N, C-alpha and C. Protein backbone atom coordinates (compact mmCIF):
# COMPACT_ATOMS: atom_id res chain seq x y z
N MET A 1 0.80 -1.21 0.00
CA MET A 1 0.00 0.00 0.00
C MET A 1 0.84 1.28 0.00
N PRO A 2 1.97 1.33 0.74
CA PRO A 2 2.81 2.55 0.61
C PRO A 2 3.30 2.77 -0.83
N GLY A 3 3.56 1.67 -1.55
CA GLY A 3 3.95 1.81 -2.95
C GLY A 3 2.84 2.41 -3.79
N TRP A 4 1.62 2.01 -3.53
CA TRP A 4 0.49 2.58 -4.25
C TRP A 4 0.30 4.05 -3.88
N ALA A 5 0.47 4.39 -2.61
CA ALA A 5 0.35 5.80 -2.20
C ALA A 5 1.38 6.66 -2.92
N ALA A 6 2.61 6.14 -3.04
CA ALA A 6 3.66 6.89 -3.74
C ALA A 6 3.33 7.04 -5.22
N ARG A 7 2.78 5.99 -5.82
CA ARG A 7 2.42 6.04 -7.23
C ARG A 7 1.32 7.08 -7.47
N LEU A 8 0.33 7.10 -6.60
CA LEU A 8 -0.74 8.10 -6.73
C LEU A 8 -0.21 9.51 -6.51
N ARG A 9 0.71 9.65 -5.57
CA ARG A 9 1.29 10.98 -5.31
C ARG A 9 2.03 11.50 -6.54
N ARG A 10 2.71 10.60 -7.25
CA ARG A 10 3.47 11.02 -8.44
C ARG A 10 2.56 11.56 -9.54
N ILE A 11 1.29 11.14 -9.58
CA ILE A 11 0.39 11.67 -10.60
C ILE A 11 -0.54 12.74 -10.04
N GLY A 12 -0.27 13.17 -8.81
CA GLY A 12 -0.96 14.33 -8.27
C GLY A 12 -2.08 14.09 -7.29
N TYR A 13 -2.28 12.84 -6.86
CA TYR A 13 -3.35 12.53 -5.91
C TYR A 13 -2.78 12.29 -4.51
N ALA A 14 -3.36 12.94 -3.52
CA ALA A 14 -3.07 12.61 -2.13
C ALA A 14 -3.82 11.33 -1.78
N SER A 15 -3.34 10.60 -0.78
CA SER A 15 -4.05 9.38 -0.38
C SER A 15 -3.86 9.12 1.10
N VAL A 16 -4.77 8.33 1.64
CA VAL A 16 -4.66 7.85 3.01
C VAL A 16 -4.86 6.34 2.97
N ILE A 17 -4.03 5.61 3.70
CA ILE A 17 -4.14 4.14 3.76
C ILE A 17 -4.93 3.77 5.00
N VAL A 18 -5.96 2.97 4.83
CA VAL A 18 -6.81 2.56 5.95
C VAL A 18 -6.48 1.12 6.31
N ASP A 19 -6.10 0.89 7.56
CA ASP A 19 -5.82 -0.45 8.06
C ASP A 19 -6.97 -0.88 8.95
N SER A 20 -7.84 -1.72 8.41
CA SER A 20 -9.00 -2.19 9.16
C SER A 20 -8.71 -3.43 9.98
N PHE A 21 -7.58 -4.10 9.70
CA PHE A 21 -7.30 -5.39 10.32
C PHE A 21 -6.53 -5.27 11.64
N THR A 22 -5.38 -4.59 11.61
CA THR A 22 -4.49 -4.59 12.77
C THR A 22 -5.17 -4.11 14.05
N PRO A 23 -5.94 -3.00 14.02
CA PRO A 23 -6.59 -2.57 15.27
C PRO A 23 -7.61 -3.58 15.80
N ARG A 24 -8.04 -4.51 14.93
CA ARG A 24 -9.02 -5.50 15.36
C ARG A 24 -8.37 -6.86 15.64
N GLY A 25 -7.04 -6.87 15.71
CA GLY A 25 -6.34 -8.06 16.19
C GLY A 25 -5.90 -9.04 15.15
N GLY A 26 -5.84 -8.65 13.88
CA GLY A 26 -5.39 -9.57 12.85
C GLY A 26 -4.59 -8.85 11.79
N ALA A 27 -3.94 -9.63 10.91
CA ALA A 27 -3.12 -9.00 9.88
C ALA A 27 -3.47 -9.51 8.48
N ALA A 28 -4.27 -10.58 8.37
CA ALA A 28 -4.56 -11.16 7.07
C ALA A 28 -5.93 -11.81 7.11
N CYS A 29 -6.45 -12.14 5.91
CA CYS A 29 -7.74 -12.81 5.82
C CYS A 29 -7.59 -14.11 5.04
N SER A 30 -8.57 -14.98 5.18
CA SER A 30 -8.57 -16.26 4.47
C SER A 30 -9.99 -16.56 4.02
N ILE A 31 -10.22 -16.53 2.70
CA ILE A 31 -11.55 -16.79 2.16
C ILE A 31 -11.87 -18.28 2.29
N PRO A 32 -13.07 -18.68 2.76
CA PRO A 32 -14.14 -17.84 3.26
C PRO A 32 -14.24 -17.84 4.78
N THR A 33 -13.17 -18.24 5.50
CA THR A 33 -13.34 -18.59 6.91
C THR A 33 -12.96 -17.50 7.90
N TYR A 34 -11.85 -16.76 7.69
CA TYR A 34 -11.38 -15.86 8.74
C TYR A 34 -11.11 -14.46 8.20
N PHE A 35 -11.68 -13.48 8.87
CA PHE A 35 -11.47 -12.08 8.52
C PHE A 35 -11.42 -11.27 9.81
N PRO A 36 -10.34 -10.51 10.04
CA PRO A 36 -10.25 -9.71 11.26
C PRO A 36 -11.32 -8.63 11.32
N ALA A 37 -11.79 -8.16 10.16
CA ALA A 37 -12.84 -7.15 10.11
C ALA A 37 -13.87 -7.58 9.09
N THR A 38 -15.13 -7.31 9.38
CA THR A 38 -16.17 -7.61 8.40
C THR A 38 -16.09 -6.59 7.27
N LEU A 39 -16.71 -6.90 6.14
CA LEU A 39 -16.73 -5.95 5.04
C LEU A 39 -17.50 -4.69 5.40
N ASP A 40 -18.52 -4.83 6.23
CA ASP A 40 -19.22 -3.62 6.67
C ASP A 40 -18.31 -2.74 7.53
N GLN A 41 -17.47 -3.36 8.36
CA GLN A 41 -16.53 -2.57 9.15
C GLN A 41 -15.51 -1.88 8.26
N VAL A 42 -15.01 -2.58 7.24
CA VAL A 42 -14.06 -1.97 6.32
C VAL A 42 -14.72 -0.81 5.58
N THR A 43 -15.98 -0.99 5.20
CA THR A 43 -16.73 0.08 4.52
C THR A 43 -16.90 1.28 5.45
N GLU A 44 -17.25 1.03 6.70
CA GLU A 44 -17.38 2.12 7.68
C GLU A 44 -16.05 2.83 7.88
N ASP A 45 -14.95 2.07 7.90
CA ASP A 45 -13.63 2.68 8.04
C ASP A 45 -13.32 3.59 6.85
N ALA A 46 -13.72 3.16 5.66
CA ALA A 46 -13.49 3.99 4.47
C ALA A 46 -14.25 5.30 4.58
N PHE A 47 -15.48 5.24 5.04
CA PHE A 47 -16.27 6.47 5.19
C PHE A 47 -15.71 7.35 6.32
N ALA A 48 -15.15 6.73 7.37
CA ALA A 48 -14.50 7.52 8.42
C ALA A 48 -13.28 8.24 7.86
N ALA A 49 -12.52 7.56 7.00
CA ALA A 49 -11.38 8.20 6.35
C ALA A 49 -11.83 9.35 5.46
N LEU A 50 -12.96 9.15 4.77
CA LEU A 50 -13.52 10.22 3.94
C LEU A 50 -13.86 11.45 4.78
N ALA A 51 -14.48 11.24 5.93
CA ALA A 51 -14.82 12.36 6.81
C ALA A 51 -13.56 13.07 7.28
N TRP A 52 -12.53 12.31 7.61
CA TRP A 52 -11.26 12.90 8.05
C TRP A 52 -10.62 13.72 6.93
N LEU A 53 -10.62 13.19 5.72
CA LEU A 53 -10.05 13.91 4.59
C LEU A 53 -10.82 15.20 4.32
N ARG A 54 -12.13 15.14 4.43
CA ARG A 54 -12.95 16.33 4.16
C ARG A 54 -12.74 17.41 5.21
N GLY A 55 -12.16 17.05 6.35
CA GLY A 55 -11.86 18.04 7.37
C GLY A 55 -10.51 18.71 7.22
N ARG A 56 -9.75 18.29 6.22
CA ARG A 56 -8.41 18.84 6.01
C ARG A 56 -8.45 20.01 5.03
N SER A 57 -7.70 21.04 5.34
CA SER A 57 -7.69 22.23 4.48
C SER A 57 -6.92 22.00 3.19
N ASP A 58 -6.07 20.97 3.15
CA ASP A 58 -5.27 20.72 1.95
C ASP A 58 -5.90 19.70 1.02
N ILE A 59 -7.14 19.30 1.30
CA ILE A 59 -7.85 18.32 0.48
C ILE A 59 -9.14 18.94 -0.05
N ASP A 60 -9.40 18.74 -1.33
CA ASP A 60 -10.67 19.15 -1.91
C ASP A 60 -11.69 18.06 -1.58
N GLY A 61 -12.52 18.32 -0.60
CA GLY A 61 -13.46 17.32 -0.09
C GLY A 61 -14.51 16.88 -1.08
N GLU A 62 -14.68 17.61 -2.17
CA GLU A 62 -15.65 17.24 -3.19
C GLU A 62 -15.04 16.36 -4.28
N ARG A 63 -13.76 16.05 -4.16
CA ARG A 63 -13.08 15.28 -5.20
C ARG A 63 -12.30 14.12 -4.57
N VAL A 64 -13.00 13.30 -3.78
CA VAL A 64 -12.35 12.18 -3.10
C VAL A 64 -12.91 10.87 -3.63
N GLY A 65 -12.02 9.99 -4.05
CA GLY A 65 -12.41 8.67 -4.51
C GLY A 65 -11.89 7.60 -3.57
N VAL A 66 -12.31 6.37 -3.80
CA VAL A 66 -11.86 5.24 -3.00
C VAL A 66 -11.27 4.19 -3.94
N LEU A 67 -10.21 3.54 -3.49
CA LEU A 67 -9.52 2.51 -4.26
C LEU A 67 -9.26 1.33 -3.33
N GLY A 68 -9.66 0.13 -3.77
CA GLY A 68 -9.47 -1.04 -2.94
C GLY A 68 -8.93 -2.21 -3.73
N PHE A 69 -8.34 -3.17 -3.02
CA PHE A 69 -7.72 -4.35 -3.61
C PHE A 69 -8.25 -5.61 -2.91
N SER A 70 -8.76 -6.56 -3.69
CA SER A 70 -9.24 -7.83 -3.18
C SER A 70 -10.32 -7.63 -2.11
N TYR A 71 -10.06 -7.94 -0.86
CA TYR A 71 -11.06 -7.75 0.20
C TYR A 71 -11.45 -6.28 0.30
N GLY A 72 -10.45 -5.40 0.24
CA GLY A 72 -10.73 -3.96 0.26
C GLY A 72 -11.51 -3.52 -0.96
N ALA A 73 -11.29 -4.19 -2.11
CA ALA A 73 -12.05 -3.87 -3.31
C ALA A 73 -13.52 -4.25 -3.14
N SER A 74 -13.77 -5.36 -2.46
CA SER A 74 -15.15 -5.75 -2.19
C SER A 74 -15.84 -4.70 -1.33
N ALA A 75 -15.11 -4.15 -0.35
CA ALA A 75 -15.66 -3.07 0.46
C ALA A 75 -15.87 -1.81 -0.37
N ALA A 76 -14.95 -1.54 -1.29
CA ALA A 76 -15.10 -0.37 -2.17
C ALA A 76 -16.40 -0.47 -2.96
N LEU A 77 -16.76 -1.68 -3.40
CA LEU A 77 -18.03 -1.85 -4.10
C LEU A 77 -19.20 -1.49 -3.19
N ARG A 78 -19.10 -1.85 -1.92
CA ARG A 78 -20.18 -1.52 -0.99
C ARG A 78 -20.31 0.00 -0.80
N THR A 79 -19.20 0.71 -0.84
CA THR A 79 -19.31 2.18 -0.68
C THR A 79 -20.09 2.81 -1.83
N SER A 80 -20.21 2.10 -2.96
CA SER A 80 -20.94 2.62 -4.12
C SER A 80 -22.45 2.42 -4.01
N SER A 81 -22.87 1.60 -3.07
CA SER A 81 -24.28 1.28 -2.91
C SER A 81 -25.03 2.41 -2.23
N ALA A 82 -26.22 2.74 -2.75
CA ALA A 82 -27.03 3.82 -2.17
C ALA A 82 -27.36 3.54 -0.71
N ARG A 83 -27.55 2.27 -0.36
CA ARG A 83 -27.92 1.97 1.03
C ARG A 83 -26.78 2.27 1.99
N TYR A 84 -25.53 2.16 1.51
CA TYR A 84 -24.39 2.51 2.35
C TYR A 84 -24.12 4.01 2.29
N ARG A 85 -24.24 4.60 1.12
CA ARG A 85 -23.94 6.02 0.93
C ARG A 85 -24.85 6.95 1.74
N LYS A 86 -26.06 6.50 2.05
CA LYS A 86 -27.02 7.41 2.68
C LYS A 86 -26.54 7.93 4.03
N ASN A 87 -25.68 7.17 4.71
CA ASN A 87 -25.15 7.61 6.00
C ASN A 87 -23.70 8.08 5.91
N ALA A 88 -23.18 8.21 4.68
CA ALA A 88 -21.78 8.60 4.49
C ALA A 88 -21.63 10.11 4.51
N PRO A 89 -20.49 10.62 4.96
CA PRO A 89 -20.29 12.07 5.00
C PRO A 89 -20.33 12.66 3.60
N GLY A 90 -21.11 13.74 3.46
CA GLY A 90 -21.18 14.43 2.19
C GLY A 90 -21.72 13.61 1.04
N GLY A 91 -22.45 12.54 1.35
CA GLY A 91 -23.03 11.71 0.30
C GLY A 91 -22.10 10.65 -0.25
N GLY A 92 -20.93 10.48 0.37
CA GLY A 92 -20.04 9.40 -0.06
C GLY A 92 -18.97 9.84 -1.03
N PHE A 93 -18.26 8.86 -1.55
CA PHE A 93 -17.16 9.10 -2.48
C PHE A 93 -17.71 9.53 -3.84
N ARG A 94 -16.86 10.21 -4.61
CA ARG A 94 -17.25 10.66 -5.95
C ARG A 94 -16.93 9.61 -7.02
N ALA A 95 -16.07 8.66 -6.69
CA ALA A 95 -15.73 7.58 -7.61
C ALA A 95 -15.17 6.43 -6.80
N ALA A 96 -15.35 5.21 -7.32
CA ALA A 96 -14.83 4.02 -6.64
C ALA A 96 -14.16 3.12 -7.66
N ALA A 97 -12.95 2.67 -7.34
CA ALA A 97 -12.21 1.74 -8.19
C ALA A 97 -11.88 0.50 -7.37
N ALA A 98 -12.10 -0.66 -7.97
CA ALA A 98 -11.94 -1.93 -7.25
C ALA A 98 -11.08 -2.88 -8.08
N TYR A 99 -9.89 -3.20 -7.55
CA TYR A 99 -9.01 -4.18 -8.18
C TYR A 99 -9.37 -5.57 -7.67
N TYR A 100 -9.75 -6.43 -8.56
CA TYR A 100 -10.07 -7.86 -8.34
C TYR A 100 -10.91 -8.13 -7.09
N PRO A 101 -12.13 -7.54 -7.05
CA PRO A 101 -13.02 -7.81 -5.92
C PRO A 101 -13.78 -9.12 -6.09
N LEU A 102 -14.45 -9.52 -5.04
CA LEU A 102 -15.45 -10.58 -5.11
C LEU A 102 -16.79 -9.88 -5.23
N CYS A 103 -17.42 -9.99 -6.40
CA CYS A 103 -18.65 -9.25 -6.67
C CYS A 103 -19.88 -9.97 -6.15
N ILE A 104 -19.98 -11.26 -6.47
CA ILE A 104 -21.13 -12.06 -6.04
C ILE A 104 -20.63 -13.42 -5.60
N SER A 105 -21.46 -14.12 -4.84
CA SER A 105 -21.05 -15.41 -4.30
C SER A 105 -20.80 -16.43 -5.41
N PRO A 106 -19.64 -17.10 -5.37
CA PRO A 106 -19.35 -18.11 -6.39
C PRO A 106 -19.81 -19.51 -6.01
N ARG A 107 -20.18 -19.70 -4.72
CA ARG A 107 -20.44 -21.05 -4.24
C ARG A 107 -21.70 -21.07 -3.38
N ALA A 108 -22.67 -21.88 -3.77
CA ALA A 108 -23.90 -21.99 -2.99
C ALA A 108 -23.67 -22.73 -1.68
N ASP A 109 -22.57 -23.50 -1.57
CA ASP A 109 -22.35 -24.31 -0.38
C ASP A 109 -21.51 -23.59 0.67
N TRP A 110 -21.14 -22.32 0.43
CA TRP A 110 -20.43 -21.59 1.48
C TRP A 110 -21.37 -21.34 2.66
N PRO A 111 -20.83 -21.26 3.89
CA PRO A 111 -21.68 -20.95 5.04
C PRO A 111 -22.28 -19.55 4.91
N SER A 112 -23.32 -19.28 5.69
CA SER A 112 -24.05 -18.01 5.56
C SER A 112 -23.14 -16.80 5.75
N ALA A 113 -22.19 -16.89 6.68
CA ALA A 113 -21.27 -15.77 6.88
C ALA A 113 -20.42 -15.54 5.64
N GLY A 114 -20.00 -16.63 5.00
CA GLY A 114 -19.24 -16.51 3.77
C GLY A 114 -20.07 -15.92 2.65
N GLN A 115 -21.34 -16.28 2.58
CA GLN A 115 -22.23 -15.72 1.57
C GLN A 115 -22.39 -14.21 1.76
N GLU A 116 -22.50 -13.79 3.01
CA GLU A 116 -22.66 -12.36 3.29
C GLU A 116 -21.44 -11.58 2.82
N ARG A 117 -20.24 -12.16 3.00
CA ARG A 117 -19.02 -11.48 2.57
C ARG A 117 -18.84 -11.53 1.06
N ALA A 118 -19.49 -12.50 0.40
CA ALA A 118 -19.26 -12.71 -1.02
C ALA A 118 -20.10 -11.81 -1.91
N ASN A 119 -21.24 -11.35 -1.44
CA ASN A 119 -22.13 -10.53 -2.25
C ASN A 119 -21.92 -9.06 -1.93
N ASN A 120 -21.24 -8.37 -2.85
CA ASN A 120 -20.81 -6.99 -2.58
C ASN A 120 -21.22 -6.01 -3.67
N LEU A 121 -21.69 -6.51 -4.79
CA LEU A 121 -22.09 -5.64 -5.90
C LEU A 121 -23.60 -5.62 -5.95
N PHE A 122 -24.17 -4.53 -5.41
CA PHE A 122 -25.62 -4.44 -5.26
C PHE A 122 -26.26 -3.71 -6.44
N GLY A 123 -27.57 -3.86 -6.56
CA GLY A 123 -28.28 -3.27 -7.68
C GLY A 123 -28.53 -1.78 -7.56
N ASP A 124 -28.16 -1.19 -6.42
CA ASP A 124 -28.43 0.24 -6.22
C ASP A 124 -27.16 1.08 -6.31
N ILE A 125 -26.24 0.70 -7.20
CA ILE A 125 -25.00 1.45 -7.39
C ILE A 125 -25.32 2.92 -7.64
N ALA A 126 -24.71 3.80 -6.85
CA ALA A 126 -24.99 5.23 -6.96
C ALA A 126 -23.72 6.06 -7.13
N THR A 127 -22.57 5.41 -7.21
CA THR A 127 -21.28 6.07 -7.40
C THR A 127 -20.65 5.53 -8.68
N PRO A 128 -20.08 6.37 -9.53
CA PRO A 128 -19.35 5.84 -10.68
C PRO A 128 -18.29 4.85 -10.20
N THR A 129 -18.33 3.65 -10.77
CA THR A 129 -17.50 2.55 -10.26
C THR A 129 -16.80 1.84 -11.42
N LEU A 130 -15.51 1.57 -11.21
CA LEU A 130 -14.72 0.82 -12.19
C LEU A 130 -14.12 -0.40 -11.51
N ILE A 131 -14.31 -1.57 -12.12
CA ILE A 131 -13.70 -2.80 -11.64
C ILE A 131 -12.57 -3.18 -12.58
N LEU A 132 -11.40 -3.46 -12.03
CA LEU A 132 -10.23 -3.86 -12.81
C LEU A 132 -9.92 -5.31 -12.43
N MET A 133 -10.09 -6.23 -13.38
CA MET A 133 -10.08 -7.65 -13.06
C MET A 133 -9.19 -8.43 -14.02
N GLY A 134 -8.39 -9.33 -13.47
CA GLY A 134 -7.65 -10.26 -14.31
C GLY A 134 -8.58 -11.29 -14.91
N ALA A 135 -8.51 -11.49 -16.20
CA ALA A 135 -9.41 -12.43 -16.87
C ALA A 135 -9.20 -13.86 -16.39
N ASP A 136 -8.00 -14.16 -15.88
CA ASP A 136 -7.69 -15.51 -15.40
C ASP A 136 -7.72 -15.62 -13.88
N ASP A 137 -8.35 -14.68 -13.22
CA ASP A 137 -8.43 -14.71 -11.75
C ASP A 137 -9.15 -15.97 -11.30
N SER A 138 -8.51 -16.74 -10.44
CA SER A 138 -9.11 -17.97 -9.92
C SER A 138 -9.07 -17.99 -8.40
N ASP A 139 -9.03 -16.81 -7.78
CA ASP A 139 -8.99 -16.74 -6.32
C ASP A 139 -10.22 -17.41 -5.72
N THR A 140 -11.36 -17.22 -6.37
CA THR A 140 -12.56 -17.99 -6.06
C THR A 140 -13.11 -18.49 -7.41
N PRO A 141 -13.96 -19.51 -7.41
CA PRO A 141 -14.40 -20.09 -8.69
C PRO A 141 -15.10 -19.07 -9.59
N ASP A 142 -14.62 -18.93 -10.83
CA ASP A 142 -15.25 -18.08 -11.85
C ASP A 142 -15.45 -16.64 -11.40
N VAL A 143 -14.56 -16.15 -10.56
CA VAL A 143 -14.76 -14.82 -9.98
C VAL A 143 -14.83 -13.74 -11.05
N ALA A 144 -13.95 -13.80 -12.06
CA ALA A 144 -13.94 -12.76 -13.08
C ALA A 144 -15.20 -12.82 -13.93
N GLN A 145 -15.60 -14.01 -14.35
CA GLN A 145 -16.76 -14.17 -15.21
C GLN A 145 -18.05 -13.80 -14.47
N ASN A 146 -18.15 -14.21 -13.20
CA ASN A 146 -19.33 -13.86 -12.40
C ASN A 146 -19.45 -12.34 -12.25
N CYS A 147 -18.31 -11.71 -12.03
CA CYS A 147 -18.31 -10.26 -11.85
C CYS A 147 -18.71 -9.56 -13.15
N ALA A 148 -18.15 -10.02 -14.26
CA ALA A 148 -18.47 -9.42 -15.56
C ALA A 148 -19.95 -9.54 -15.88
N ARG A 149 -20.55 -10.69 -15.57
CA ARG A 149 -21.98 -10.87 -15.83
C ARG A 149 -22.82 -9.92 -14.99
N LYS A 150 -22.45 -9.76 -13.72
CA LYS A 150 -23.21 -8.86 -12.84
C LYS A 150 -23.06 -7.41 -13.29
N VAL A 151 -21.86 -7.01 -13.68
CA VAL A 151 -21.64 -5.65 -14.16
C VAL A 151 -22.46 -5.40 -15.42
N ALA A 152 -22.49 -6.35 -16.34
CA ALA A 152 -23.26 -6.19 -17.57
C ALA A 152 -24.74 -6.01 -17.25
N GLU A 153 -25.24 -6.76 -16.30
CA GLU A 153 -26.65 -6.65 -15.90
C GLU A 153 -26.93 -5.25 -15.35
N LEU A 154 -26.06 -4.76 -14.47
CA LEU A 154 -26.27 -3.43 -13.88
C LEU A 154 -26.11 -2.32 -14.91
N ALA A 155 -25.15 -2.47 -15.82
CA ALA A 155 -24.96 -1.46 -16.86
C ALA A 155 -26.19 -1.36 -17.75
N ARG A 156 -26.82 -2.51 -18.06
CA ARG A 156 -28.05 -2.49 -18.87
C ARG A 156 -29.16 -1.74 -18.17
N GLN A 157 -29.11 -1.72 -16.83
CA GLN A 157 -30.11 -1.01 -16.05
C GLN A 157 -29.77 0.48 -15.90
N GLY A 158 -28.66 0.89 -16.50
CA GLY A 158 -28.29 2.30 -16.46
C GLY A 158 -27.40 2.70 -15.29
N ARG A 159 -26.89 1.72 -14.56
CA ARG A 159 -26.01 2.04 -13.44
C ARG A 159 -24.63 2.44 -13.95
N ALA A 160 -23.99 3.35 -13.21
CA ALA A 160 -22.67 3.88 -13.63
C ALA A 160 -21.56 2.95 -13.18
N ILE A 161 -21.46 1.83 -13.86
CA ILE A 161 -20.45 0.83 -13.50
C ILE A 161 -19.87 0.21 -14.76
N ALA A 162 -18.58 -0.10 -14.71
CA ALA A 162 -17.89 -0.73 -15.84
C ALA A 162 -16.84 -1.68 -15.28
N ILE A 163 -16.46 -2.64 -16.11
CA ILE A 163 -15.39 -3.57 -15.75
C ILE A 163 -14.43 -3.67 -16.92
N THR A 164 -13.14 -3.71 -16.60
CA THR A 164 -12.11 -3.97 -17.61
C THR A 164 -11.41 -5.26 -17.23
N MET A 165 -11.39 -6.19 -18.17
CA MET A 165 -10.76 -7.49 -17.95
C MET A 165 -9.40 -7.49 -18.65
N TYR A 166 -8.36 -7.91 -17.94
CA TYR A 166 -7.00 -7.91 -18.48
C TYR A 166 -6.59 -9.34 -18.81
N PRO A 167 -6.30 -9.62 -20.10
CA PRO A 167 -5.95 -10.98 -20.49
C PRO A 167 -4.64 -11.44 -19.85
N ASN A 168 -4.57 -12.74 -19.62
CA ASN A 168 -3.35 -13.36 -19.06
C ASN A 168 -2.98 -12.76 -17.71
N ALA A 169 -3.99 -12.33 -16.96
CA ALA A 169 -3.76 -11.74 -15.64
C ALA A 169 -4.63 -12.46 -14.62
N ASP A 170 -4.09 -12.65 -13.41
CA ASP A 170 -4.84 -13.34 -12.38
C ASP A 170 -5.01 -12.44 -11.16
N HIS A 171 -5.25 -13.05 -10.00
CA HIS A 171 -5.43 -12.28 -8.78
C HIS A 171 -4.12 -11.58 -8.42
N VAL A 172 -4.22 -10.38 -7.88
CA VAL A 172 -3.06 -9.57 -7.52
C VAL A 172 -2.19 -9.30 -8.75
N PHE A 173 -2.82 -9.10 -9.90
CA PHE A 173 -2.06 -8.89 -11.13
C PHE A 173 -1.28 -7.60 -11.13
N ASP A 174 -1.67 -6.63 -10.29
CA ASP A 174 -0.92 -5.37 -10.23
C ASP A 174 0.47 -5.59 -9.66
N VAL A 175 0.69 -6.73 -9.01
CA VAL A 175 2.01 -7.08 -8.49
C VAL A 175 2.68 -8.13 -9.37
N ARG A 176 1.91 -9.05 -9.91
CA ARG A 176 2.47 -10.22 -10.57
C ARG A 176 2.66 -10.08 -12.08
N GLN A 177 1.83 -9.27 -12.71
CA GLN A 177 1.87 -9.19 -14.19
C GLN A 177 2.06 -7.73 -14.62
N PRO A 178 3.29 -7.35 -14.93
CA PRO A 178 3.59 -5.93 -15.18
C PRO A 178 2.87 -5.34 -16.39
N VAL A 179 2.63 -6.12 -17.44
CA VAL A 179 1.95 -5.57 -18.62
C VAL A 179 0.51 -5.20 -18.26
N ALA A 180 -0.21 -6.12 -17.64
CA ALA A 180 -1.58 -5.84 -17.22
C ALA A 180 -1.61 -4.74 -16.17
N ALA A 181 -0.63 -4.74 -15.26
CA ALA A 181 -0.58 -3.72 -14.21
C ALA A 181 -0.44 -2.32 -14.80
N ALA A 182 0.43 -2.17 -15.80
CA ALA A 182 0.64 -0.86 -16.42
C ALA A 182 -0.62 -0.39 -17.14
N LYS A 183 -1.28 -1.28 -17.87
CA LYS A 183 -2.50 -0.90 -18.57
C LYS A 183 -3.60 -0.54 -17.59
N ALA A 184 -3.73 -1.30 -16.51
CA ALA A 184 -4.76 -1.01 -15.52
C ALA A 184 -4.51 0.33 -14.85
N PHE A 185 -3.26 0.66 -14.61
CA PHE A 185 -2.96 1.95 -13.97
C PHE A 185 -3.34 3.10 -14.91
N GLU A 186 -3.11 2.93 -16.20
CA GLU A 186 -3.56 3.93 -17.17
C GLU A 186 -5.09 4.07 -17.12
N ASP A 187 -5.77 2.94 -17.08
CA ASP A 187 -7.24 2.97 -17.03
C ASP A 187 -7.73 3.62 -15.75
N LEU A 188 -7.05 3.34 -14.64
CA LEU A 188 -7.42 3.95 -13.37
C LEU A 188 -7.26 5.47 -13.43
N GLN A 189 -6.14 5.94 -13.98
CA GLN A 189 -5.93 7.39 -14.10
C GLN A 189 -7.02 8.04 -14.94
N THR A 190 -7.37 7.43 -16.06
CA THR A 190 -8.41 7.97 -16.93
C THR A 190 -9.74 8.06 -16.18
N PHE A 191 -10.06 7.01 -15.43
CA PHE A 191 -11.31 6.96 -14.66
C PHE A 191 -11.33 8.04 -13.58
N PHE A 192 -10.26 8.14 -12.79
CA PHE A 192 -10.23 9.15 -11.74
C PHE A 192 -10.21 10.57 -12.32
N ASN A 193 -9.47 10.77 -13.40
CA ASN A 193 -9.46 12.10 -14.02
C ASN A 193 -10.86 12.50 -14.46
N ARG A 194 -11.62 11.55 -15.00
CA ARG A 194 -12.97 11.84 -15.48
C ARG A 194 -13.90 12.21 -14.34
N HIS A 195 -13.80 11.49 -13.23
CA HIS A 195 -14.80 11.65 -12.17
C HIS A 195 -14.34 12.52 -11.00
N LEU A 196 -13.03 12.66 -10.83
CA LEU A 196 -12.52 13.50 -9.74
C LEU A 196 -11.91 14.79 -10.26
N GLY A 197 -11.66 14.85 -11.55
CA GLY A 197 -10.96 16.01 -12.13
C GLY A 197 -9.47 15.74 -12.16
N ARG A 198 -8.85 16.25 -13.18
CA ARG A 198 -7.40 16.04 -13.33
C ARG A 198 -6.65 16.75 -12.20
N PRO A 199 -5.77 16.07 -11.49
CA PRO A 199 -5.06 16.71 -10.36
C PRO A 199 -4.02 17.70 -10.86
N ALA A 200 -3.69 18.66 -10.00
CA ALA A 200 -2.61 19.61 -10.31
C ALA A 200 -1.29 18.87 -10.22
N GLN A 201 -0.40 19.11 -11.17
CA GLN A 201 0.90 18.43 -11.18
C GLN A 201 1.97 19.34 -10.58
């Protein structure tokens, strides 16, 4: 995450890193059994960070987006939901980007708690949202294809959501596959520039 913060700073965006796990007694998660923080807690933490940023004189509080990876990306999808945004400071984030999230449950046989964590892309998307997904992601069964189908359904309904699939890329492709990582970063910049405004260099 510090590497990502430095990368965003180089293109003109300030950032804050939110650690939802360590204060709650853990450092990692394991799908679908163990998570130090629930996705709702991670979502609440993101909105708390938004409130903190909006209180700073050096931040334009009307131009704040959220960026998440894997479990954090699933929470980023929740921040886009109208049901979550209604209690968020200032109406929530202006844009949300999610690297390789779990959009919908891939397995009917997961326990109920696992199902609750697996369904994160709701039909009431109210924030412009971009999903960046490796086409070969196998972190959970058919995760990329399931996500693409759900995004297509929501887009047909007029929701402001899109997905970009990167060929020959899997989970954590921003670390493992430099070609896909570079293209995704370009796509992320274009998305944030469109919805947050181009930052001062």
